[in-house]
N, C-alpha and C. Protein backbone atom coordinates (compact mmCIF):
# COMPACT_ATOMS: atom_id res chain seq x y z
N MET A 1 272.78 -41.75 257.58
CA MET A 1 272.82 -41.42 258.98
C MET A 1 272.98 -42.68 259.84
N GLU A 2 272.34 -43.76 259.40
CA GLU A 2 272.44 -45.01 260.16
C GLU A 2 273.89 -45.50 260.19
N TRP A 3 274.61 -45.29 259.10
CA TRP A 3 276.01 -45.72 259.05
C TRP A 3 276.82 -45.04 260.15
N ILE A 4 276.62 -43.73 260.30
CA ILE A 4 277.39 -42.97 261.29
C ILE A 4 277.04 -43.44 262.70
N THR A 5 275.76 -43.58 262.97
CA THR A 5 275.32 -44.01 264.31
C THR A 5 275.84 -45.41 264.62
N GLU A 6 275.71 -46.30 263.67
CA GLU A 6 276.16 -47.68 263.88
C GLU A 6 277.68 -47.72 264.05
N GLY A 7 278.39 -46.94 263.27
CA GLY A 7 279.85 -46.90 263.37
C GLY A 7 280.31 -46.38 264.72
N LEU A 8 279.68 -45.30 265.19
CA LEU A 8 280.06 -44.76 266.50
C LEU A 8 279.71 -45.73 267.63
N THR A 9 278.59 -46.41 267.50
CA THR A 9 278.21 -47.40 268.51
C THR A 9 279.22 -48.55 268.56
N LEU A 10 279.63 -49.01 267.40
CA LEU A 10 280.62 -50.09 267.35
C LEU A 10 281.97 -49.64 267.90
N LEU A 11 282.37 -48.41 267.61
CA LEU A 11 283.62 -47.89 268.18
C LEU A 11 283.53 -47.82 269.70
N PHE A 12 282.41 -47.35 270.22
CA PHE A 12 282.22 -47.27 271.66
C PHE A 12 282.27 -48.66 272.29
N ILE A 13 281.58 -49.62 271.68
CA ILE A 13 281.58 -50.99 272.20
C ILE A 13 282.99 -51.57 272.17
N GLY A 14 283.71 -51.35 271.09
CA GLY A 14 285.08 -51.86 270.99
C GLY A 14 286.00 -51.26 272.04
N ILE A 15 285.90 -49.96 272.25
CA ILE A 15 286.73 -49.30 273.27
C ILE A 15 286.35 -49.80 274.65
N LEU A 16 285.06 -49.97 274.90
CA LEU A 16 284.61 -50.46 276.20
C LEU A 16 285.12 -51.88 276.47
N VAL A 17 285.05 -52.74 275.47
CA VAL A 17 285.57 -54.11 275.62
C VAL A 17 287.07 -54.07 275.89
N PHE A 18 287.80 -53.23 275.16
CA PHE A 18 289.24 -53.11 275.37
C PHE A 18 289.55 -52.67 276.80
N LEU A 19 288.87 -51.63 277.26
CA LEU A 19 289.13 -51.12 278.61
C LEU A 19 288.76 -52.15 279.68
N LEU A 20 287.64 -52.85 279.48
CA LEU A 20 287.25 -53.88 280.45
C LEU A 20 288.22 -55.05 280.47
N THR A 21 288.75 -55.40 279.30
CA THR A 21 289.66 -56.54 279.22
C THR A 21 291.01 -56.23 279.83
N PHE A 22 291.56 -55.07 279.54
CA PHE A 22 292.92 -54.78 279.96
C PHE A 22 293.02 -54.06 281.30
N PHE A 23 291.98 -53.34 281.70
CA PHE A 23 292.07 -52.58 282.94
C PHE A 23 291.04 -52.98 283.98
N GLY A 24 290.12 -53.85 283.62
CA GLY A 24 289.08 -54.26 284.56
C GLY A 24 289.55 -55.35 285.49
N ASP A 25 288.79 -55.54 286.54
CA ASP A 25 289.07 -56.59 287.51
C ASP A 25 288.43 -57.88 286.99
N PRO A 26 289.26 -58.86 286.58
CA PRO A 26 288.70 -60.09 285.98
C PRO A 26 287.72 -60.80 286.91
N GLY A 27 286.57 -61.11 286.39
CA GLY A 27 285.58 -61.85 287.15
C GLY A 27 284.71 -61.02 288.07
N SER A 28 284.90 -59.71 288.08
CA SER A 28 284.10 -58.87 288.96
C SER A 28 282.66 -58.79 288.44
N THR A 29 281.76 -58.48 289.35
CA THR A 29 280.36 -58.36 288.98
C THR A 29 280.14 -57.23 287.98
N LEU A 30 280.84 -56.13 288.16
CA LEU A 30 280.70 -55.00 287.24
C LEU A 30 281.15 -55.39 285.84
N GLN A 31 282.26 -56.08 285.73
CA GLN A 31 282.75 -56.48 284.42
C GLN A 31 281.78 -57.44 283.74
N LYS A 32 281.27 -58.40 284.47
CA LYS A 32 280.31 -59.35 283.90
C LYS A 32 279.04 -58.64 283.46
N THR A 33 278.56 -57.71 284.27
CA THR A 33 277.35 -56.96 283.94
C THR A 33 277.55 -56.13 282.67
N LEU A 34 278.69 -55.48 282.55
CA LEU A 34 278.95 -54.67 281.36
C LEU A 34 279.10 -55.54 280.12
N PHE A 35 279.72 -56.69 280.24
CA PHE A 35 279.83 -57.60 279.09
C PHE A 35 278.45 -58.09 278.66
N ILE A 36 277.58 -58.38 279.61
CA ILE A 36 276.22 -58.80 279.27
C ILE A 36 275.48 -57.66 278.57
N ALA A 37 275.66 -56.43 279.04
CA ALA A 37 275.03 -55.28 278.39
C ALA A 37 275.55 -55.11 276.96
N ILE A 38 276.83 -55.33 276.75
CA ILE A 38 277.42 -55.24 275.42
C ILE A 38 276.85 -56.32 274.51
N ILE A 39 276.72 -57.54 275.04
CA ILE A 39 276.17 -58.65 274.26
C ILE A 39 274.73 -58.34 273.86
N VAL A 40 273.94 -57.83 274.79
CA VAL A 40 272.54 -57.47 274.49
C VAL A 40 272.50 -56.38 273.42
N MET A 41 273.38 -55.39 273.52
CA MET A 41 273.41 -54.32 272.52
C MET A 41 273.77 -54.86 271.14
N LEU A 42 274.72 -55.77 271.06
CA LEU A 42 275.08 -56.36 269.77
C LEU A 42 273.92 -57.16 269.17
N ILE A 43 273.19 -57.87 270.00
CA ILE A 43 272.03 -58.62 269.52
C ILE A 43 270.94 -57.64 269.03
N MET A 44 270.73 -56.55 269.76
CA MET A 44 269.75 -55.56 269.33
C MET A 44 270.17 -54.92 268.00
N MET A 45 271.45 -54.65 267.84
CA MET A 45 271.94 -54.09 266.57
C MET A 45 271.78 -55.10 265.45
N SER A 46 271.96 -56.37 265.76
CA SER A 46 271.78 -57.42 264.76
C SER A 46 270.34 -57.48 264.28
N VAL A 47 269.40 -57.41 265.20
CA VAL A 47 267.98 -57.44 264.84
C VAL A 47 267.62 -56.20 264.03
N LEU A 48 268.10 -55.05 264.46
CA LEU A 48 267.83 -53.81 263.72
C LEU A 48 268.38 -53.89 262.30
N SER A 49 269.61 -54.38 262.16
CA SER A 49 270.21 -54.51 260.83
C SER A 49 269.48 -55.54 259.98
N LEU A 50 268.95 -56.56 260.62
CA LEU A 50 268.21 -57.58 259.89
C LEU A 50 266.94 -56.99 259.26
N PHE A 51 266.29 -56.09 259.98
CA PHE A 51 265.05 -55.51 259.48
C PHE A 51 265.26 -54.27 258.60
N THR A 52 266.42 -53.65 258.66
CA THR A 52 266.65 -52.43 257.87
C THR A 52 267.67 -52.66 256.76
N GLY A 53 268.91 -52.82 257.12
CA GLY A 53 269.98 -52.91 256.13
C GLY A 53 269.99 -54.18 255.32
N PHE A 54 269.42 -55.25 255.85
CA PHE A 54 269.45 -56.54 255.15
C PHE A 54 268.61 -56.51 253.88
N LYS A 55 267.66 -55.59 253.80
CA LYS A 55 266.79 -55.50 252.63
C LYS A 55 267.48 -54.83 251.44
N ILE A 56 268.57 -54.13 251.69
CA ILE A 56 269.28 -53.42 250.64
C ILE A 56 270.21 -54.39 249.92
N ASN A 57 270.30 -54.27 248.63
CA ASN A 57 271.13 -55.17 247.84
C ASN A 57 272.59 -54.70 247.84
N PHE A 58 273.21 -54.74 249.01
CA PHE A 58 274.60 -54.32 249.19
C PHE A 58 275.22 -55.29 250.20
N LEU A 59 276.21 -56.05 249.78
CA LEU A 59 276.75 -57.16 250.57
C LEU A 59 277.16 -56.78 252.00
N PRO A 60 277.88 -55.66 252.23
CA PRO A 60 278.24 -55.35 253.62
C PRO A 60 277.03 -55.20 254.55
N PHE A 61 275.92 -54.66 254.04
CA PHE A 61 274.71 -54.55 254.86
C PHE A 61 274.12 -55.92 255.17
N LYS A 62 274.23 -56.83 254.25
CA LYS A 62 273.71 -58.18 254.46
C LYS A 62 274.57 -58.97 255.46
N LEU A 63 275.84 -58.59 255.58
CA LEU A 63 276.74 -59.29 256.50
C LEU A 63 276.65 -58.76 257.93
N CYS A 64 276.12 -57.56 258.11
CA CYS A 64 276.08 -56.95 259.44
C CYS A 64 275.39 -57.82 260.50
N PRO A 65 274.20 -58.37 260.24
CA PRO A 65 273.58 -59.20 261.28
C PRO A 65 274.44 -60.41 261.66
N LEU A 66 275.10 -61.01 260.68
CA LEU A 66 275.96 -62.16 260.98
C LEU A 66 277.17 -61.74 261.81
N ILE A 67 277.76 -60.61 261.48
CA ILE A 67 278.94 -60.13 262.21
C ILE A 67 278.57 -59.75 263.64
N PHE A 68 277.45 -59.05 263.81
CA PHE A 68 277.03 -58.65 265.16
C PHE A 68 276.70 -59.87 266.02
N THR A 69 275.99 -60.83 265.44
CA THR A 69 275.63 -62.04 266.19
C THR A 69 276.87 -62.86 266.52
N GLY A 70 277.78 -62.99 265.56
CA GLY A 70 279.03 -63.70 265.81
C GLY A 70 279.85 -63.05 266.90
N SER A 71 279.92 -61.74 266.89
CA SER A 71 280.65 -61.02 267.94
C SER A 71 280.02 -61.24 269.30
N ALA A 72 278.69 -61.20 269.36
CA ALA A 72 277.99 -61.43 270.63
C ALA A 72 278.24 -62.84 271.14
N ILE A 73 278.23 -63.82 270.24
CA ILE A 73 278.49 -65.21 270.64
C ILE A 73 279.91 -65.37 271.17
N LEU A 74 280.87 -64.76 270.49
CA LEU A 74 282.26 -64.85 270.95
C LEU A 74 282.45 -64.19 272.31
N LEU A 75 281.83 -63.04 272.52
CA LEU A 75 281.93 -62.39 273.83
C LEU A 75 281.25 -63.24 274.90
N LEU A 76 280.12 -63.84 274.58
CA LEU A 76 279.43 -64.71 275.54
C LEU A 76 280.29 -65.93 275.89
N LEU A 77 280.91 -66.52 274.89
CA LEU A 77 281.80 -67.66 275.16
C LEU A 77 282.98 -67.23 276.04
N GLY A 78 283.54 -66.07 275.75
CA GLY A 78 284.64 -65.56 276.58
C GLY A 78 284.18 -65.31 278.00
N LEU A 79 282.97 -64.82 278.16
CA LEU A 79 282.45 -64.56 279.50
C LEU A 79 282.20 -65.87 280.25
N ILE A 80 281.67 -66.86 279.57
CA ILE A 80 281.38 -68.15 280.21
C ILE A 80 282.67 -68.90 280.55
N LEU A 81 283.64 -68.88 279.65
CA LEU A 81 284.86 -69.66 279.86
C LEU A 81 285.89 -68.98 280.76
N SER A 82 285.66 -67.72 281.10
CA SER A 82 286.66 -67.04 281.94
C SER A 82 286.37 -67.21 283.42
């Protein structure tokens, strides 16, 4: 069940980032606020995966916290440098 929830959350975050990037007003307060909310959500998912999926002996579960944290860092860098 966690796989489905996590997958749908990641799809939603990806679609939201796409829509904000291509159709949003660059530098607007709303866009910055939504990007910060996305970054916080990715960090929360990283912590959740660290305490749940990381304990399972399956490589993709062990990579999830690194991927979520890396994605959050890249979005934060994009937000700071834009």
